[in-house]
Amino acid sequence: MAADSAPHGRLVIGVTGGIGSGKSTAAQLFADYGAALVDTDAIALALTQPGQPAVTEIVRSFGPEYLTPAGALDRPRMRERVFSDPRARQALEAILHPLIRAQVAAQVSAARAPYVLVLIPLLVETGGYRELIERVLVIDAEERVQIERTMARSALTEAQVRAIMVTQASREQRLAAADDIIENNGDLARLRAQVQALHQRYVQLTAAG
């Protein structure tokens, strides 16, 4: 658990949650209230566009068949490969994670907002970024809600969603790692109210630091 004040006036919060928990929606609501938002998935997407150094390394390790005709990472094909091959997942992470961490650190350093959110879907699973963040915010949802949301927004079946959930940290593991929790089983209005209240607390913590 984190301390109750931010060192040097900067508060950096790692935001995480399981698939379908609504973590991206919650993070964007915080940004609407004035927080800086650093999205590790967006950084990973940018790093795997045509001509990026990560793409060269991916081709060297996996072959050109894992690129799209335009020269970007073929994300669906790579997702299928790493989902079924732990060694391939480790190889991909070894390429991407150092580059992502460097970008995260740079964006956090450059942020001028009262506090910074770093959206890290696999924060609990990887144990990374703990040297950077002061608090962990978990966006929590019941399993049935996670499954329904994910199926509604994607072409995945319930079995496929459950297979993804098995590879992630359990709900109990995420909650045990949390300094702050937002319960997101309801509608957007309920989520926004919780975000607003926690935003005010983060601003206070930043001022106290």
Protein backbone atom coordinates (compact mmCIF):
# COMPACT_ATOMS: atom_id res chain seq x y z
CA MET A 1 0.00 0.00 0.00
CA ALA A 2 1.11 3.52 -0.68
CA ALA A 3 1.80 6.43 1.58
CA ASP A 4 -0.91 9.06 2.12
CA SER A 5 0.98 11.93 0.54
CA ALA A 6 2.76 12.47 -2.74
CA PRO A 7 6.54 12.98 -2.73
CA HIS A 8 7.61 16.38 -4.05
CA GLY A 9 3.99 17.27 -4.75
CA ARG A 10 3.64 14.75 -7.60
CA LEU A 11 1.10 11.98 -7.26
CA VAL A 12 1.34 9.14 -9.76
CA ILE A 13 -1.44 6.55 -9.69
CA GLY A 14 -1.38 3.23 -11.49
CA VAL A 15 -4.84 2.32 -12.78
CA THR A 16 -5.71 -1.30 -13.48
CA GLY A 17 -8.60 -3.72 -13.68
CA GLY A 18 -9.68 -6.89 -15.39
CA ILE A 19 -11.01 -7.17 -18.92
CA GLY A 20 -14.40 -5.46 -19.20
CA SER A 21 -14.02 -3.64 -15.88
CA GLY A 22 -14.29 -0.21 -17.50
CA LYS A 23 -10.81 0.96 -16.56
CA SER A 24 -10.31 2.93 -19.76
CA THR A 25 -13.64 4.71 -19.31
CA ALA A 26 -12.81 5.55 -15.71
CA ALA A 27 -9.35 6.82 -16.64
CA GLN A 28 -10.83 9.10 -19.30
CA LEU A 29 -13.27 10.52 -16.74
CA PHE A 30 -10.33 11.39 -14.49
CA ALA A 31 -8.68 13.08 -17.46
CA ASP A 32 -11.89 15.07 -18.03
CA TYR A 33 -11.52 16.40 -14.48
CA GLY A 34 -7.96 17.54 -15.21
CA ALA A 35 -5.70 14.57 -14.49
CA ALA A 36 -2.86 13.71 -16.86
CA LEU A 37 -3.38 10.31 -18.45
CA VAL A 38 -0.58 8.04 -19.65
CA ASP A 39 -1.95 4.98 -21.46
CA THR A 40 0.46 2.07 -21.81
CA ASP A 41 -1.71 0.40 -24.46
CA ALA A 42 -1.66 3.56 -26.58
CA ILE A 43 2.12 3.73 -26.19
CA ALA A 44 2.46 0.08 -27.23
CA LEU A 45 0.31 0.74 -30.30
CA ALA A 46 2.47 3.71 -31.30
CA LEU A 47 5.66 1.70 -30.83
CA THR A 48 4.44 -1.01 -33.22
CA GLN A 49 3.63 1.25 -36.16
CA PRO A 50 5.60 1.08 -39.44
CA GLY A 51 9.23 2.11 -39.13
CA GLN A 52 9.42 1.98 -35.35
CA PRO A 53 12.46 0.24 -33.80
CA ALA A 54 10.22 -2.27 -32.01
CA VAL A 55 8.92 -3.50 -35.37
CA THR A 56 12.44 -4.30 -36.54
CA GLU A 57 13.03 -6.37 -33.41
CA ILE A 58 9.69 -8.12 -33.76
CA VAL A 59 10.51 -9.15 -37.33
CA ARG A 60 13.91 -10.41 -36.18
CA SER A 61 12.33 -12.54 -33.45
CA PHE A 62 9.06 -13.64 -35.05
CA GLY A 63 9.37 -13.12 -38.79
CA PRO A 64 7.77 -10.74 -41.30
CA GLU A 65 4.53 -12.70 -41.31
CA TYR A 66 3.60 -10.91 -38.09
CA LEU A 67 3.37 -7.56 -39.85
CA THR A 68 0.44 -6.08 -41.74
CA PRO A 69 0.90 -5.17 -45.43
CA ALA A 70 1.51 -1.59 -44.26
CA GLY A 71 4.39 -2.69 -42.02
CA ALA A 72 2.77 -2.40 -38.59
CA LEU A 73 2.49 -5.21 -36.06
CA ASP A 74 -0.35 -7.57 -36.96
CA ARG A 75 -1.89 -7.37 -33.51
CA PRO A 76 -4.61 -10.04 -33.89
CA ARG A 77 -2.12 -12.56 -35.26
CA MET A 78 0.44 -11.79 -32.57
CA ARG A 79 -2.22 -11.91 -29.87
CA GLU A 80 -3.18 -15.41 -31.01
CA ARG A 81 0.47 -16.50 -30.97
CA VAL A 82 1.39 -15.20 -27.53
CA PHE A 83 -1.89 -16.35 -26.01
CA SER A 84 -0.99 -19.94 -26.81
CA ASP A 85 2.81 -19.71 -26.40
CA PRO A 86 4.22 -18.38 -23.11
CA ARG A 87 7.76 -18.25 -24.51
CA ALA A 88 6.58 -16.08 -27.40
CA ARG A 89 4.82 -13.79 -24.95
CA GLN A 90 8.02 -13.43 -22.95
CA ALA A 91 9.98 -12.64 -26.10
CA LEU A 92 7.49 -9.97 -27.15
CA GLU A 93 7.48 -8.46 -23.65
CA ALA A 94 11.28 -8.34 -23.66
CA ILE A 95 11.10 -6.22 -26.81
CA LEU A 96 8.25 -3.92 -25.86
CA HIS A 97 8.33 -3.45 -22.10
CA PRO A 98 11.62 -1.49 -21.84
CA LEU A 99 10.47 0.82 -24.63
CA ILE A 100 7.05 1.30 -23.05
CA ARG A 101 8.54 2.02 -19.61
CA ALA A 102 10.85 4.66 -21.08
CA GLN A 103 7.91 6.38 -22.76
CA VAL A 104 5.81 6.20 -19.60
CA ALA A 105 8.59 7.78 -17.53
CA ALA A 106 9.03 10.55 -20.09
CA GLN A 107 5.32 11.33 -20.24
CA VAL A 108 4.96 11.31 -16.46
CA SER A 109 7.93 13.66 -16.15
CA ALA A 110 6.48 16.02 -18.75
CA ALA A 111 2.97 16.09 -17.25
CA ARG A 112 1.86 19.39 -15.72
CA ALA A 113 -1.50 18.28 -14.32
CA PRO A 114 -2.21 18.12 -10.56
CA TYR A 115 -1.65 14.36 -10.66
CA VAL A 116 -0.91 11.63 -13.20
CA LEU A 117 -2.75 8.41 -13.97
CA VAL A 118 -0.85 5.60 -15.66
CA LEU A 119 -3.24 3.09 -17.19
CA ILE A 120 -1.60 -0.34 -16.86
CA PRO A 121 -3.96 -3.24 -17.60
CA LEU A 122 -1.53 -5.91 -16.31
CA LEU A 123 -0.10 -3.95 -13.37
CA VAL A 124 -0.78 -6.69 -10.82
CA GLU A 125 0.29 -9.51 -13.15
CA THR A 126 3.67 -8.01 -14.08
CA GLY A 127 4.50 -6.24 -10.83
CA GLY A 128 6.09 -3.50 -12.93
CA TYR A 129 6.11 0.27 -12.52
CA ARG A 130 6.13 0.08 -8.72
CA GLU A 131 9.15 2.39 -8.64
CA LEU A 132 7.13 5.01 -10.51
CA ILE A 133 3.67 4.94 -8.95
CA GLU A 134 2.64 5.96 -5.46
CA ARG A 135 -0.84 4.47 -5.42
CA VAL A 136 -2.75 1.67 -7.13
CA LEU A 137 -6.34 2.30 -8.25
CA VAL A 138 -8.35 -0.79 -9.16
CA ILE A 139 -11.50 -0.50 -11.25
CA ASP A 140 -13.50 -3.47 -10.03
CA ALA A 141 -16.47 -5.24 -11.61
CA GLU A 142 -18.22 -8.53 -11.00
CA GLU A 143 -17.30 -11.39 -13.29
CA ARG A 144 -20.70 -11.47 -15.01
CA VAL A 145 -20.42 -7.76 -15.76
CA GLN A 146 -16.93 -8.17 -17.19
CA ILE A 147 -18.12 -10.94 -19.50
CA GLU A 148 -21.24 -9.09 -20.67
CA ARG A 149 -19.33 -5.88 -21.41
CA THR A 150 -16.54 -7.62 -23.27
CA MET A 151 -18.93 -9.66 -25.40
CA ALA A 152 -20.97 -6.53 -26.20
CA ARG A 153 -17.97 -4.58 -27.47
CA SER A 154 -16.18 -7.39 -29.31
CA ALA A 155 -16.80 -10.49 -31.36
CA LEU A 156 -15.59 -12.75 -28.57
CA THR A 157 -17.68 -15.58 -27.18
CA GLU A 158 -18.20 -16.13 -23.47
CA ALA A 159 -15.72 -19.01 -23.56
CA GLN A 160 -13.09 -16.78 -25.18
CA VAL A 161 -13.63 -14.04 -22.60
CA ARG A 162 -13.33 -16.54 -19.78
CA ALA A 163 -10.12 -17.90 -21.33
CA ILE A 164 -8.64 -14.38 -21.25
CA MET A 165 -9.77 -13.87 -17.66
CA VAL A 166 -7.96 -17.03 -16.59
CA THR A 167 -4.67 -15.53 -17.81
CA GLN A 168 -5.19 -12.37 -15.75
CA ALA A 169 -4.85 -11.82 -12.02
CA SER A 170 -7.91 -12.83 -10.05
CA ARG A 171 -10.31 -10.23 -8.76
CA GLU A 172 -9.11 -10.99 -5.24
CA GLN A 173 -5.46 -10.45 -6.20
CA ARG A 174 -6.24 -7.06 -7.75
CA LEU A 175 -8.27 -5.91 -4.76
CA ALA A 176 -5.48 -6.98 -2.40
CA ALA A 177 -3.04 -4.76 -4.32
CA ALA A 178 -5.33 -1.73 -4.30
CA ASP A 179 -4.91 1.52 -2.41
CA ASP A 180 -8.14 2.81 -3.93
CA ILE A 181 -11.10 0.94 -5.45
CA ILE A 182 -13.88 2.08 -7.74
CA GLU A 183 -16.81 -0.32 -8.03
CA ASN A 184 -18.05 -0.29 -11.61
CA ASN A 185 -21.01 -2.63 -11.80
CA GLY A 186 -23.52 0.14 -12.50
CA ASP A 187 -24.07 2.88 -15.04
CA LEU A 188 -21.90 5.77 -16.19
CA ALA A 189 -23.47 8.23 -13.75
CA ARG A 190 -22.48 6.07 -10.78
CA LEU A 191 -18.97 5.68 -12.16
CA ARG A 192 -18.64 9.44 -12.71
CA ALA A 193 -19.70 10.19 -9.13
CA GLN A 194 -17.03 7.88 -7.74
CA VAL A 195 -14.40 9.34 -10.06
CA GLN A 196 -15.28 12.88 -9.01
CA ALA A 197 -14.98 12.04 -5.32
CA LEU A 198 -11.64 10.29 -5.77
CA HIS A 199 -10.37 13.10 -8.01
CA GLN A 200 -10.94 15.53 -5.16
CA ARG A 201 -9.02 13.27 -2.78
CA TYR A 202 -6.10 13.01 -5.20
CA VAL A 203 -5.97 16.77 -5.55
CA GLN A 204 -5.87 17.05 -1.76
CA LEU A 205 -3.09 14.48 -1.52
CA THR A 206 -1.09 16.36 -4.13
CA ALA A 207 -1.52 19.62 -2.20
CA ALA A 208 -0.52 17.88 1.04
CA GLY A 209 2.68 16.65 -0.58
